[in-house]
PDB file of N, CA and C in Angstrom:
ATOM      1  N   UNK A   1      88.659 104.793 138.390  1.00  0.00           N
ATOM      2  CA  UNK A   1      89.135 103.246 138.072  1.00  0.00           C
ATOM      3  C   UNK A   1      88.885 103.393 136.226  1.00  0.00           C
ATOM      4  N   UNK A   2      89.686 102.598 135.883  1.00  0.00           N
ATOM      5  CA  UNK A   2      89.545 102.309 134.397  1.00  0.00           C
ATOM      6  C   UNK A   2      89.597 100.676 134.087  1.00  0.00           C
ATOM      7  N   UNK A   3      88.516 100.241 133.429  1.00  0.00           N
ATOM      8  CA  UNK A   3      88.405  99.093 133.251  1.00  0.00           C
ATOM      9  C   UNK A   3      89.107  98.619 132.067  1.00  0.00           C
ATOM     10  N   UNK A   4      90.010  97.447 132.032  1.00  0.00           N
ATOM     11  CA  UNK A   4      90.885  96.730 131.261  1.00  0.00           C
ATOM     12  C   UNK A   4      89.956  96.325 129.971  1.00  0.00           C
ATOM     13  N   UNK A   5      90.119  96.785 128.724  1.00  0.00           N
ATOM     14  CA  UNK A   5      89.380  96.245 127.815  1.00  0.00           C
ATOM     15  C   UNK A   5      89.477  94.572 127.537  1.00  0.00           C
ATOM     16  N   UNK A   6      90.665  94.106 127.927  1.00  0.00           N
ATOM     17  CA  UNK A   6      90.953  92.656 127.569  1.00  0.00           C
ATOM     18  C   UNK A   6      90.586  91.841 128.526  1.00  0.00           C
ATOM     19  N   UNK A   7      90.832  92.141 129.910  1.00  0.00           N
ATOM     20  CA  UNK A   7      90.491  91.062 131.001  1.00  0.00           C
ATOM     21  C   UNK A   7      89.369  91.657 131.919  1.00  0.00           C
ATOM     22  N   UNK A   8      89.058  92.862 131.838  1.00  0.00           N
ATOM     23  CA  UNK A   8      88.071  93.605 132.514  1.00  0.00           C
ATOM     24  C   UNK A   8      88.576  94.052 134.078  1.00  0.00           C
ATOM     25  N   UNK A   9      89.713  93.932 134.237  1.00  0.00           N
ATOM     26  CA  UNK A   9      90.288  94.393 135.766  1.00  0.00           C
ATOM     27  C   UNK A   9      90.121  95.619 136.063  1.00  0.00           C
ATOM     28  N   UNK A  10      89.588  96.353 136.951  1.00  0.00           N
ATOM     29  CA  UNK A  10      89.549  97.642 137.373  1.00  0.00           C
ATOM     30  C   UNK A  10      91.042  98.102 137.801  1.00  0.00           C
ATOM     31  N   UNK A  11      91.385  99.254 137.026  1.00  0.00           N
ATOM     32  CA  UNK A  11      92.764  99.731 137.563  1.00  0.00           C
ATOM     33  C   UNK A  11      92.793 101.096 137.833  1.00  0.00           C
ATOM     34  N   UNK A  12      93.508 101.792 138.628  1.00  0.00           N
ATOM     35  CA  UNK A  12      93.648 103.019 139.106  1.00  0.00           C
ATOM     36  C   UNK A  12      93.687 103.907 137.798  1.00  0.00           C
ATOM     37  N   UNK A  13      93.135 105.078 137.972  1.00  0.00           N
ATOM     38  CA  UNK A  13      93.036 106.014 136.761  1.00  0.00           C
ATOM     39  C   UNK A  13      94.219 106.635 136.184  1.00  0.00           C
ATOM     40  N   UNK A  14      95.250 106.666 137.149  1.00  0.00           N
ATOM     41  CA  UNK A  14      96.511 106.896 136.686  1.00  0.00           C
ATOM     42  C   UNK A  14      97.451 105.547 135.662  1.00  0.00           C
ATOM     43  N   UNK A  15      96.820 104.476 136.056  1.00  0.00           N
ATOM     44  CA  UNK A  15      97.560 103.290 135.155  1.00  0.00           C
ATOM     45  C   UNK A  15      97.407 103.422 133.908  1.00  0.00           C
ATOM     46  N   UNK A  16      98.731 103.142 132.993  1.00  0.00           N
ATOM     47  CA  UNK A  16      98.709 103.190 131.664  1.00  0.00           C
ATOM     48  C   UNK A  16      98.506 101.788 131.159  1.00  0.00           C
ATOM     49  N   UNK A  17      98.984 100.840 132.094  1.00  0.00           N
ATOM     50  CA  UNK A  17      98.726  99.417 131.620  1.00  0.00           C
ATOM     51  C   UNK A  17      98.011  98.628 132.815  1.00  0.00           C
ATOM     52  N   UNK A  18      97.243  97.414 132.174  1.00  0.00           N
ATOM     53  CA  UNK A  18      96.337  96.687 133.056  1.00  0.00           C
ATOM     54  C   UNK A  18      97.359  96.193 134.189  1.00  0.00           C
ATOM     55  N   UNK A  19      96.842  96.215 135.502  1.00  0.00           N
ATOM     56  CA  UNK A  19      97.787  95.623 136.521  1.00  0.00           C
ATOM     57  C   UNK A  19      97.726  94.118 136.474  1.00  0.00           C
ATOM     58  N   UNK A  20      96.835  93.608 135.892  1.00  0.00           N
ATOM     59  CA  UNK A  20      96.488  92.121 135.969  1.00  0.00           C
ATOM     60  C   UNK A  20      96.988  91.549 134.390  1.00  0.00           C
ATOM     61  N   UNK A  21      96.886  92.117 133.371  1.00  0.00           N
ATOM     62  CA  UNK A  21      97.212  91.444 132.216  1.00  0.00           C
ATOM     63  C   UNK A  21      98.439  92.322 131.369  1.00  0.00           C
ATOM     64  N   UNK A  22      98.678  93.599 131.621  1.00  0.00           N
ATOM     65  CA  UNK A  22      99.798  94.230 130.955  1.00  0.00           C
ATOM     66  C   UNK A  22      99.073  94.883 129.676  1.00  0.00           C
ATOM     67  N   UNK A  23      97.939  94.896 129.449  1.00  0.00           N
ATOM     68  CA  UNK A  23      97.488  95.413 128.186  1.00  0.00           C
ATOM     69  C   UNK A  23      97.407  96.996 128.251  1.00  0.00           C
ATOM     70  N   UNK A  24      98.131  97.637 127.326  1.00  0.00           N
ATOM     71  CA  UNK A  24      97.760  99.114 127.550  1.00  0.00           C
ATOM     72  C   UNK A  24      96.147  99.549 127.660  1.00  0.00           C
ATOM     73  N   UNK A  25      95.935 100.613 128.503  1.00  0.00           N
ATOM     74  CA  UNK A  25      94.649 100.910 128.981  1.00  0.00           C
ATOM     75  C   UNK A  25      94.234 102.228 128.092  1.00  0.00           C
ATOM     76  N   UNK A  26      93.114 102.322 127.868  1.00  0.00           N
ATOM     77  CA  UNK A  26      92.615 103.602 126.891  1.00  0.00           C
ATOM     78  C   UNK A  26      93.027 104.836 127.722  1.00  0.00           C
ATOM     79  N   UNK A  27      93.360 105.856 126.685  1.00  0.00           N
ATOM     80  CA  UNK A  27      93.646 107.109 127.662  1.00  0.00           C
ATOM     81  C   UNK A  27      92.559 108.034 127.141  1.00  0.00           C
ATOM     82  N   UNK A  28      92.719 109.167 127.828  1.00  0.00           N
ATOM     83  CA  UNK A  28      91.522 110.494 127.864  1.00  0.00           C
ATOM     84  C   UNK A  28      91.989 110.985 126.448  1.00  0.00           C
ATOM     85  N   UNK A  29      93.053 110.642 125.563  1.00  0.00           N
ATOM     86  CA  UNK A  29      93.372 111.167 124.190  1.00  0.00           C
ATOM     87  C   UNK A  29      92.075 110.302 123.336  1.00  0.00           C
ATOM     88  N   UNK A  30      91.638 109.499 123.700  1.00  0.00           N
ATOM     89  CA  UNK A  30      90.402 108.769 123.094  1.00  0.00           C
ATOM     90  C   UNK A  30      90.773 108.431 121.565  1.00  0.00           C
ATOM     91  N   UNK A  31      89.809 109.020 120.807  1.00  0.00           N
ATOM     92  CA  UNK A  31      90.042 108.924 119.220  1.00  0.00           C
ATOM     93  C   UNK A  31      90.469 107.497 118.815  1.00  0.00           C
ATOM     94  N   UNK A  32      91.399 107.717 118.164  1.00  0.00           N
ATOM     95  CA  UNK A  32      92.012 106.473 117.469  1.00  0.00           C
ATOM     96  C   UNK A  32      92.312 105.267 118.506  1.00  0.00           C
ATOM     97  N   UNK A  33      92.959 105.704 119.789  1.00  0.00           N
ATOM     98  CA  UNK A  33      93.425 104.640 120.705  1.00  0.00           C
ATOM     99  C   UNK A  33      92.238 103.950 120.965  1.00  0.00           C
ATOM    100  N   UNK A  34      90.790 104.556 121.229  1.00  0.00           N
ATOM    101  CA  UNK A  34      89.673 104.069 121.627  1.00  0.00           C
ATOM    102  C   UNK A  34      89.019 102.950 120.583  1.00  0.00           C
ATOM    103  N   UNK A  35      89.387 103.722 119.495  1.00  0.00           N
ATOM    104  CA  UNK A  35      88.703 102.910 118.274  1.00  0.00           C
ATOM    105  C   UNK A  35      89.591 101.513 118.215  1.00  0.00           C
ATOM    106  N   UNK A  36      90.902 101.602 118.288  1.00  0.00           N
ATOM    107  CA  UNK A  36      91.707 100.573 118.471  1.00  0.00           C
ATOM    108  C   UNK A  36      91.508  99.353 119.231  1.00  0.00           C
ATOM    109  N   UNK A  37      91.278  99.808 120.640  1.00  0.00           N
ATOM    110  CA  UNK A  37      90.760  98.976 121.616  1.00  0.00           C
ATOM    111  C   UNK A  37      89.691  98.202 121.278  1.00  0.00           C
ATOM    112  N   UNK A  38      88.405  98.983 120.631  1.00  0.00           N
ATOM    113  CA  UNK A  38      87.296  98.447 120.543  1.00  0.00           C
ATOM    114  C   UNK A  38      87.420  97.434 119.377  1.00  0.00           C
ATOM    115  N   UNK A  39      88.171  97.727 118.463  1.00  0.00           N
ATOM    116  CA  UNK A  39      88.449  96.935 117.013  1.00  0.00           C
ATOM    117  C   UNK A  39      89.075  95.711 117.654  1.00  0.00           C
ATOM    118  N   UNK A  40      90.092  95.768 118.512  1.00  0.00           N
ATOM    119  CA  UNK A  40      90.884  94.436 118.877  1.00  0.00           C
ATOM    120  C   UNK A  40      89.876  93.334 119.579  1.00  0.00           C
ATOM    121  N   UNK A  41      89.031  94.496 120.582  1.00  0.00           N
ATOM    122  CA  UNK A  41      88.011  93.396 121.511  1.00  0.00           C
ATOM    123  C   UNK A  41      87.212  92.842 120.603  1.00  0.00           C
ATOM    124  N   UNK A  42      86.613  93.432 119.466  1.00  0.00           N
ATOM    125  CA  UNK A  42      85.517  92.842 118.321  1.00  0.00           C
ATOM    126  C   UNK A  42      86.469  91.643 117.566  1.00  0.00           C
ATOM    127  N   UNK A  43      87.555  91.766 117.277  1.00  0.00           N
ATOM    128  CA  UNK A  43      88.429  90.725 116.568  1.00  0.00           C
ATOM    129  C   UNK A  43      88.647  89.639 117.321  1.00  0.00           C
ATOM    130  N   UNK A  44      88.851  89.942 118.752  1.00  0.00           N
ATOM    131  CA  UNK A  44      89.226  88.521 119.440  1.00  0.00           C
ATOM    132  C   UNK A  44      87.679  87.847 119.727  1.00  0.00           C
ATOM    133  N   UNK A  45      86.581  88.758 119.706  1.00  0.00           N
ATOM    134  CA  UNK A  45      85.126  87.976 119.878  1.00  0.00           C
ATOM    135  C   UNK A  45      84.979  87.180 118.677  1.00  0.00           C
ATOM    136  N   UNK A  46      85.131  87.705 117.302  1.00  0.00           N
ATOM    137  CA  UNK A  46      84.880  87.185 116.073  1.00  0.00           C
ATOM    138  C   UNK A  46      85.667  85.782 115.992  1.00  0.00           C
ATOM    139  N   UNK A  47      86.974  85.875 116.293  1.00  0.00           N
ATOM    140  CA  UNK A  47      87.779  84.715 116.282  1.00  0.00           C
ATOM    141  C   UNK A  47      87.475  83.690 117.111  1.00  0.00           C
ATOM    142  N   UNK A  48      87.176  84.010 118.306  1.00  0.00           N
ATOM    143  CA  UNK A  48      86.555  83.083 119.310  1.00  0.00           C
ATOM    144  C   UNK A  48      85.211  82.415 118.667  1.00  0.00           C
ATOM    145  N   UNK A  49      84.529  82.992 118.023  1.00  0.00           N
ATOM    146  CA  UNK A  49      83.429  82.683 117.328  1.00  0.00           C
ATOM    147  C   UNK A  49      83.548  81.852 116.029  1.00  0.00           C
ATOM    148  N   UNK A  50      84.928  81.759 115.610  1.00  0.00           N
ATOM    149  CA  UNK A  50      85.109  80.993 114.314  1.00  0.00           C
ATOM    150  C   UNK A  50      84.781  81.805 113.107  1.00  0.00           C
ATOM    151  N   UNK A  51      84.638  83.295 113.374  1.00  0.00           N
ATOM    152  CA  UNK A  51      84.561  84.110 112.040  1.00  0.00           C
ATOM    153  C   UNK A  51      86.016  84.808 111.668  1.00  0.00           C
ATOM    154  N   UNK A  52      86.850  83.844 111.313  1.00  0.00           N
ATOM    155  CA  UNK A  52      88.375  84.074 110.937  1.00  0.00           C
ATOM    156  C   UNK A  52      88.523  85.293 110.151  1.00  0.00           C
ATOM    157  N   UNK A  53      87.764  85.361 109.001  1.00  0.00           N
ATOM    158  CA  UNK A  53      87.989  86.214 108.162  1.00  0.00           C
ATOM    159  C   UNK A  53      87.620  87.772 108.635  1.00  0.00           C
ATOM    160  N   UNK A  54      86.569  87.776 109.191  1.00  0.00           N
ATOM    161  CA  UNK A  54      86.191  89.357 109.715  1.00  0.00           C
ATOM    162  C   UNK A  54      87.065  89.367 110.810  1.00  0.00           C
ATOM    163  N   UNK A  55      87.361  88.499 111.645  1.00  0.00           N
ATOM    164  CA  UNK A  55      88.562  88.885 112.927  1.00  0.00           C
ATOM    165  C   UNK A  55      89.740  89.250 112.272  1.00  0.00           C
ATOM    166  N   UNK A  56      90.238  88.617 111.207  1.00  0.00           N
ATOM    167  CA  UNK A  56      91.522  88.937 110.738  1.00  0.00           C
ATOM    168  C   UNK A  56      91.401  90.526 110.072  1.00  0.00           C
ATOM    169  N   UNK A  57      90.312  90.859 109.431  1.00  0.00           N
ATOM    170  CA  UNK A  57      90.327  92.062 108.883  1.00  0.00           C
ATOM    171  C   UNK A  57      90.183  93.218 109.946  1.00  0.00           C
ATOM    172  N   UNK A  58      89.442  93.057 111.108  1.00  0.00           N
ATOM    173  CA  UNK A  58      89.566  93.881 112.347  1.00  0.00           C
ATOM    174  C   UNK A  58      90.946  94.085 112.688  1.00  0.00           C
ATOM    175  N   UNK A  59      91.648  92.977 113.157  1.00  0.00           N
ATOM    176  CA  UNK A  59      92.731  92.739 113.667  1.00  0.00           C
ATOM    177  C   UNK A  59      94.032  93.744 112.865  1.00  0.00           C
ATOM    178  N   UNK A  60      93.739  93.512 111.613  1.00  0.00           N
ATOM    179  CA  UNK A  60      94.531  94.275 110.579  1.00  0.00           C
ATOM    180  C   UNK A  60      94.490  95.929 110.773  1.00  0.00           C
ATOM    181  N   UNK A  61      93.088  96.106 110.507  1.00  0.00           N
ATOM    182  CA  UNK A  61      92.584  97.627 110.885  1.00  0.00           C
ATOM    183  C   UNK A  61      93.087  98.163 112.118  1.00  0.00           C
ATOM    184  N   UNK A  62      93.157  97.244 113.299  1.00  0.00           N
ATOM    185  CA  UNK A  62      93.544  97.808 114.597  1.00  0.00           C
ATOM    186  C   UNK A  62      95.173  97.933 114.598  1.00  0.00           C
ATOM    187  N   UNK A  63      95.830  97.207 113.740  1.00  0.00           N
ATOM    188  CA  UNK A  63      97.178  97.375 113.594  1.00  0.00           C
ATOM    189  C   UNK A  63      97.564  98.606 113.046  1.00  0.00           C
ATOM    190  N   UNK A  64      96.817  98.899 111.659  1.00  0.00           N
ATOM    191  CA  UNK A  64      97.050  99.762 110.920  1.00  0.00           C
ATOM    192  C   UNK A  64      96.553 101.002 111.857  1.00  0.00           C
ATOM    193  N   UNK A  65      95.694 101.466 112.631  1.00  0.00           N
ATOM    194  CA  UNK A  65      95.538 102.487 113.510  1.00  0.00           C
ATOM    195  C   UNK A  65      96.640 102.648 114.421  1.00  0.00           C
ATOM    196  N   UNK A  66      96.965 101.853 115.193  1.00  0.00           N
ATOM    197  CA  UNK A  66      97.891 101.784 115.959  1.00  0.00           C
ATOM    198  C   UNK A  66      99.305 102.118 115.489  1.00  0.00           C
ATOM    199  N   UNK A  67      99.601 101.665 114.223  1.00  0.00           N
ATOM    200  CA  UNK A  67     101.127 102.211 113.490  1.00  0.00           C
ATOM    201  C   UNK A  67     101.078 103.525 113.178  1.00  0.00           C
ATOM    202  N   UNK A  68      99.956 104.071 113.241  1.00  0.00           N
ATOM    203  CA  UNK A  68      99.868 105.535 112.682  1.00  0.00           C
ATOM    204  C   UNK A  68      99.925 106.512 113.956  1.00  0.00           C
ATOM    205  N   UNK A  69     100.165 105.814 115.155  1.00  0.00           N
ATOM    206  CA  UNK A  69     100.769 106.796 116.307  1.00  0.00           C
ATOM    207  C   UNK A  69     101.942 106.461 116.957  1.00  0.00           C
ATOM    208  N   UNK A  70     102.364 106.991 117.961  1.00  0.00           N
ATOM    209  CA  UNK A  70     103.618 106.942 118.621  1.00  0.00           C
ATOM    210  C   UNK A  70     103.750 106.147 119.728  1.00  0.00           C
ATOM    211  N   UNK A  71     102.271 105.513 119.906  1.00  0.00           N
ATOM    212  CA  UNK A  71     101.978 104.692 121.002  1.00  0.00           C
ATOM    213  C   UNK A  71     102.530 103.062 120.828  1.00  0.00           C
ATOM    214  N   UNK A  72     103.688 102.991 120.943  1.00  0.00           N
ATOM    215  CA  UNK A  72     104.209 101.429 120.741  1.00  0.00           C
ATOM    216  C   UNK A  72     103.464 100.301 121.514  1.00  0.00           C
ATOM    217  N   UNK A  73     103.091 100.706 122.790  1.00  0.00           N
ATOM    218  CA  UNK A  73     102.498  99.391 123.465  1.00  0.00           C
ATOM    219  C   UNK A  73     101.038  99.044 122.719  1.00  0.00           C
ATOM    220  N   UNK A  74     100.316 100.193 122.006  1.00  0.00           N
ATOM    221  CA  UNK A  74      99.130  99.960 121.428  1.00  0.00           C
ATOM    222  C   UNK A  74      99.330  99.185 120.141  1.00  0.00           C
ATOM    223  N   UNK A  75     100.517  99.504 119.617  1.00  0.00           N
ATOM    224  CA  UNK A  75     100.710  98.818 118.566  1.00  0.00           C
ATOM    225  C   UNK A  75     101.127  97.394 118.596  1.00  0.00           C
ATOM    226  N   UNK A  76     101.813  97.091 119.659  1.00  0.00           N
ATOM    227  CA  UNK A  76     102.482  95.775 120.015  1.00  0.00           C
ATOM    228  C   UNK A  76     101.082  94.954 120.380  1.00  0.00           C
ATOM    229  N   UNK A  77     100.101  95.546 121.214  1.00  0.00           N
ATOM    230  CA  UNK A  77      98.954  94.952 121.563  1.00  0.00           C
ATOM    231  C   UNK A  77      98.145  94.450 120.129  1.00  0.00           C
ATOM    232  N   UNK A  78      98.168  95.328 119.399  1.00  0.00           N
ATOM    233  CA  UNK A  78      97.367  95.283 118.081  1.00  0.00           C
ATOM    234  C   UNK A  78      97.937  94.065 117.462  1.00  0.00           C
ATOM    235  N   UNK A  79      99.358  93.854 117.564  1.00  0.00           N
ATOM    236  CA  UNK A  79      99.824  92.925 116.723  1.00  0.00           C
ATOM    237  C   UNK A  79      99.814  91.704 117.457  1.00  0.00           C
ATOM    238  N   UNK A  80      99.932  91.699 118.561  1.00  0.00           N
ATOM    239  CA  UNK A  80      99.557  90.625 119.635  1.00  0.00           C
ATOM    240  C   UNK A  80      98.047  89.747 119.165  1.00  0.00           C
ATOM    241  N   UNK A  81      97.195  90.706 118.944  1.00  0.00           N
ATOM    242  CA  UNK A  81      95.592  90.496 118.595  1.00  0.00           C
ATOM    243  C   UNK A  81      95.667  89.710 117.322  1.00  0.00           C
ATOM    244  N   UNK A  82      96.498  90.279 116.293  1.00  0.00           N
ATOM    245  CA  UNK A  82      96.511  89.813 115.122  1.00  0.00           C
ATOM    246  C   UNK A  82      97.108  88.426 114.968  1.00  0.00           C
ATOM    247  N   UNK A  83      98.021  88.276 115.889  1.00  0.00           N
ATOM    248  CA  UNK A  83      98.866  87.033 116.009  1.00  0.00           C
ATOM    249  C   UNK A  83      97.972  85.786 116.524  1.00  0.00           C
ATOM    250  N   UNK A  84      96.962  86.292 117.654  1.00  0.00           N
ATOM    251  CA  UNK A  84      96.122  85.427 117.971  1.00  0.00           C
ATOM    252  C   UNK A  84      94.888  84.972 117.120  1.00  0.00           C
ATOM    253  N   UNK A  85      94.535  85.893 116.228  1.00  0.00           N
ATOM    254  CA  UNK A  85      93.492  85.582 115.421  1.00  0.00           C
ATOM    255  C   UNK A  85      93.924  84.596 114.444  1.00  0.00           C
ATOM    256  N   UNK A  86      95.276  84.884 113.810  1.00  0.00           N
ATOM    257  CA  UNK A  86      96.036  84.160 112.799  1.00  0.00           C
ATOM    258  C   UNK A  86      96.052  82.672 113.132  1.00  0.00           C
ATOM    259  N   UNK A  87      96.423  82.448 114.538  1.00  0.00           N
ATOM    260  CA  UNK A  87      96.787  81.180 115.221  1.00  0.00           C
ATOM    261  C   UNK A  87      95.360  80.664 115.448  1.00  0.00           C
ATOM    262  N   UNK A  88      94.400  81.130 115.671  1.00  0.00           N
ATOM    263  CA  UNK A  88      93.131  80.390 115.888  1.00  0.00           C
ATOM    264  C   UNK A  88      92.460  80.010 114.688  1.00  0.00           C
ATOM    265  N   UNK A  89      93.015  80.553 113.605  1.00  0.00           N
ATOM    266  CA  UNK A  89      92.598  80.133 112.123  1.00  0.00           C
ATOM    267  C   UNK A  89      93.473  79.128 111.668  1.00  0.00           C
ATOM    268  N   UNK A  90      94.437  78.640 112.243  1.00  0.00           N
ATOM    269  CA  UNK A  90      95.475  77.548 112.075  1.00  0.00           C
ATOM    270  C   UNK A  90      96.495  78.195 111.218  1.00  0.00           C
ATOM    271  N   UNK A  91      97.001  79.496 111.404  1.00  0.00           N
ATOM    272  CA  UNK A  91      98.036  80.000 110.560  1.00  0.00           C
ATOM    273  C   UNK A  91      99.016  80.595 111.432  1.00  0.00           C
ATOM    274  N   UNK A  92      99.603  79.441 112.140  1.00  0.00           N
ATOM    275  CA  UNK A  92     100.556  79.989 113.054  1.00  0.00           C
ATOM    276  C   UNK A  92     101.913  80.582 112.590  1.00  0.00           C
ATOM    277  N   UNK A  93     102.268  80.053 111.312  1.00  0.00           N
ATOM    278  CA  UNK A  93     103.367  80.482 110.777  1.00  0.00           C
ATOM    279  C   UNK A  93     103.243  82.013 110.592  1.00  0.00           C
ATOM    280  N   UNK A  94     102.146  82.433 109.953  1.00  0.00           N
ATOM    281  CA  UNK A  94     101.946  83.823 109.984  1.00  0.00           C
ATOM    282  C   UNK A  94     101.853  84.669 110.716  1.00  0.00           C
ATOM    283  N   UNK A  95     101.515  83.921 112.188  1.00  0.00           N
ATOM    284  CA  UNK A  95     101.270  84.665 113.484  1.00  0.00           C
ATOM    285  C   UNK A  95     102.669  85.227 114.019  1.00  0.00           C
ATOM    286  N   UNK A  96     103.854  84.502 113.811  1.00  0.00           N
ATOM    287  CA  UNK A  96     105.174  84.431 114.450  1.00  0.00           C
ATOM    288  C   UNK A  96     105.635  85.907 113.978  1.00  0.00           C
ATOM    289  N   UNK A  97     105.646  86.358 112.831  1.00  0.00           N
ATOM    290  CA  UNK A  97     106.295  87.666 112.733  1.00  0.00           C
ATOM    291  C   UNK A  97     105.520  88.678 113.251  1.00  0.00           C
ATOM    292  N   UNK A  98     104.331  88.861 113.463  1.00  0.00           N
ATOM    293  CA  UNK A  98     103.519  89.859 114.193  1.00  0.00           C
ATOM    294  C   UNK A  98     103.851  89.817 115.547  1.00  0.00           C
ATOM    295  N   UNK A  99     103.930  88.616 116.132  1.00  0.00           N
ATOM    296  CA  UNK A  99     104.595  88.520 117.523  1.00  0.00           C
ATOM    297  C   UNK A  99     106.132  88.920 117.731  1.00  0.00           C
ATOM    298  N   UNK A 100     106.788  88.618 116.785  1.00  0.00           N
ATOM    299  CA  UNK A 100     108.130  89.115 116.942  1.00  0.00           C
ATOM    300  C   UNK A 100     108.321  90.598 116.929  1.00  0.00           C
ATOM    301  N   UNK A 101     107.656  91.224 116.030  1.00  0.00           N
ATOM    302  CA  UNK A 101     107.392  92.741 115.980  1.00  0.00           C
ATOM    303  C   UNK A 101     106.885  93.238 117.463  1.00  0.00           C
ATOM    304  N   UNK A 102     105.984  92.644 117.877  1.00  0.00           N
ATOM    305  CA  UNK A 102     105.325  93.057 118.898  1.00  0.00           C
ATOM    306  C   UNK A 102     106.209  93.116 120.153  1.00  0.00           C
ATOM    307  N   UNK A 103     107.233  91.911 120.267  1.00  0.00           N
ATOM    308  CA  UNK A 103     108.124  91.727 121.258  1.00  0.00           C
ATOM    309  C   UNK A 103     109.313  92.966 121.068  1.00  0.00           C
ATOM    310  N   UNK A 104     109.686  93.204 119.687  1.00  0.00           N
ATOM    311  CA  UNK A 104     110.692  94.370 119.585  1.00  0.00           C
ATOM    312  C   UNK A 104     110.061  95.453 119.991  1.00  0.00           C
ATOM    313  N   UNK A 105     108.688  95.965 119.590  1.00  0.00           N
ATOM    314  CA  UNK A 105     108.330  97.037 120.199  1.00  0.00           C
ATOM    315  C   UNK A 105     108.061  97.396 121.893  1.00  0.00           C
ATOM    316  N   UNK A 106     107.555  96.093 122.366  1.00  0.00           N
ATOM    317  CA  UNK A 106     107.608  96.067 123.860  1.00  0.00           C
ATOM    318  C   UNK A 106     108.903  96.413 124.722  1.00  0.00           C
ATOM    319  N   UNK A 107     110.176  95.757 123.901  1.00  0.00           N
ATOM    320  CA  UNK A 107     111.506  95.855 124.443  1.00  0.00           C
ATOM    321  C   UNK A 107     111.648  97.462 124.170  1.00  0.00           C
ATOM    322  N   UNK A 108     111.598  97.677 123.096  1.00  0.00           N
ATOM    323  CA  UNK A 108     111.879  99.290 122.881  1.00  0.00           C
ATOM    324  C   UNK A 108     111.344 100.209 124.005  1.00  0.00           C
ATOM    325  N   UNK A 109     109.945  99.970 124.300  1.00  0.00           N
ATOM    326  CA  UNK A 109     109.386 100.861 124.986  1.00  0.00           C
ATOM    327  C   UNK A 109     109.497 100.586 126.512  1.00  0.00           C
ATOM    328  N   UNK A 110     110.322  99.210 126.914  1.00  0.00           N
ATOM    329  CA  UNK A 110     110.475  98.895 128.377  1.00  0.00           C
ATOM    330  C   UNK A 110     108.988  98.312 129.081  1.00  0.00           C
ATOM    331  N   UNK A 111     108.353  97.768 128.032  1.00  0.00           N
ATOM    332  CA  UNK A 111     106.886  96.977 128.783  1.00  0.00           C
ATOM    333  C   UNK A 111     107.203  95.954 128.793  1.00  0.00           C
ATOM    334  N   UNK A 112     107.833  95.440 130.087  1.00  0.00           N
ATOM    335  CA  UNK A 112     108.425  93.952 130.475  1.00  0.00           C
ATOM    336  C   UNK A 112     106.929  93.159 130.533  1.00  0.00           C
ATOM    337  N   UNK A 113     105.666  93.574 131.136  1.00  0.00           N
ATOM    338  CA  UNK A 113     104.805  92.663 131.024  1.00  0.00           C
ATOM    339  C   UNK A 113     104.387  92.140 129.856  1.00  0.00           C
ATOM    340  N   UNK A 114     104.053  93.045 128.918  1.00  0.00           N
ATOM    341  CA  UNK A 114     103.584  92.713 127.531  1.00  0.00           C
ATOM    342  C   UNK A 114     104.734  91.936 126.776  1.00  0.00           C
ATOM    343  N   UNK A 115     105.849  92.333 127.053  1.00  0.00           N
ATOM    344  CA  UNK A 115     107.125  91.539 126.479  1.00  0.00           C
ATOM    345  C   UNK A 115     107.108  90.214 126.749  1.00  0.00           C
ATOM    346  N   UNK A 116     106.911  90.014 127.996  1.00  0.00           N
ATOM    347  CA  UNK A 116     106.793  88.641 128.604  1.00  0.00           C
ATOM    348  C   UNK A 116     105.648  87.812 127.849  1.00  0.00           C
ATOM    349  N   UNK A 117     104.467  88.290 127.738  1.00  0.00           N
ATOM    350  CA  UNK A 117     103.259  87.615 127.026  1.00  0.00           C
ATOM    351  C   UNK A 117     103.438  87.538 125.623  1.00  0.00           C
ATOM    352  N   UNK A 118     104.459  88.655 124.954  1.00  0.00           N
ATOM    353  CA  UNK A 118     104.729  88.124 123.611  1.00  0.00           C
ATOM    354  C   UNK A 118     105.796  87.019 123.663  1.00  0.00           C
ATOM    355  N   UNK A 119     106.806  86.940 124.326  1.00  0.00           N
ATOM    356  CA  UNK A 119     107.752  85.550 124.596  1.00  0.00           C
ATOM    357  C   UNK A 119     106.827  84.464 124.695  1.00  0.00           C
ATOM    358  N   UNK A 120     105.951  84.474 125.420  1.00  0.00           N
ATOM    359  CA  UNK A 120     105.313  83.365 125.816  1.00  0.00           C
ATOM    360  C   UNK A 120     104.436  82.771 124.770  1.00  0.00           C
ATOM    361  N   UNK A 121     104.031  83.719 123.942  1.00  0.00           N
ATOM    362  CA  UNK A 121     102.849  83.346 122.684  1.00  0.00           C
ATOM    363  C   UNK A 121     103.952  82.688 121.545  1.00  0.00           C
ATOM    364  N   UNK A 122     105.091  83.407 121.372  1.00  0.00           N
ATOM    365  CA  UNK A 122     106.073  82.805 120.455  1.00  0.00           C
ATOM    366  C   UNK A 122     106.588  81.236 120.864  1.00  0.00           C
ATOM    367  N   UNK A 123     106.804  81.057 122.346  1.00  0.00           N
ATOM    368  CA  UNK A 123     107.272  79.915 122.566  1.00  0.00           C
ATOM    369  C   UNK A 123     106.153  78.764 122.681  1.00  0.00           C
ATOM    370  N   UNK A 124     104.988  79.214 122.510  1.00  0.00           N
ATOM    371  CA  UNK A 124     103.873  78.177 122.566  1.00  0.00           C
ATOM    372  C   UNK A 124     103.906  77.392 121.207  1.00  0.00           C
ATOM    373  N   UNK A 125     103.547  76.237 121.334  1.00  0.00           N
ATOM    374  CA  UNK A 125     103.275  75.302 120.044  1.00  0.00           C
ATOM    375  C   UNK A 125     102.122  75.818 119.145  1.00  0.00           C
ATOM    376  N   UNK A 126     102.340  75.592 117.888  1.00  0.00           N
ATOM    377  CA  UNK A 126     101.130  75.952 117.362  1.00  0.00           C
ATOM    378  C   UNK A 126      99.939  75.077 117.676  1.00  0.00           C
TER     379      UNK A 126
END
C-alpha cells in the first residue's frame, strides 16, 4: 500500500494516482519526485499557517523540480499547489495561469481526476 501525501488515503502499490483525490503518488524512482512531494506538502502546511512567503518559495521550488522531469501529472500537481498558496495569500489573479497550465498538462496526459480538480479550482471565486 502507498499513502497519498495529499490526503493520506492508502492506495494499492500499483496505483499511480490516489484513488480518493487523484494526486500522483510517489514512485520507486524516488529522488526528485519524492522531494517534490515533500516540498508540496510543506508548502501547503506553511500556507495554512499563514507563512505565505515561505510557502510560495517552496511551491515554486516544487514546480521547478517537476518541470525538469517528464512526469506531467507531478508538474500539474505542483502547479496546483502553487495556485493554492497564491490564493491563500489573496493573489487569485496570479493563481489562474498556474491552474490553466495544470489543466493543460492533465488533459494532455489524460488524467481526468486531476483535470476535474483544476477546473473546479478555476471556477471557484477568489
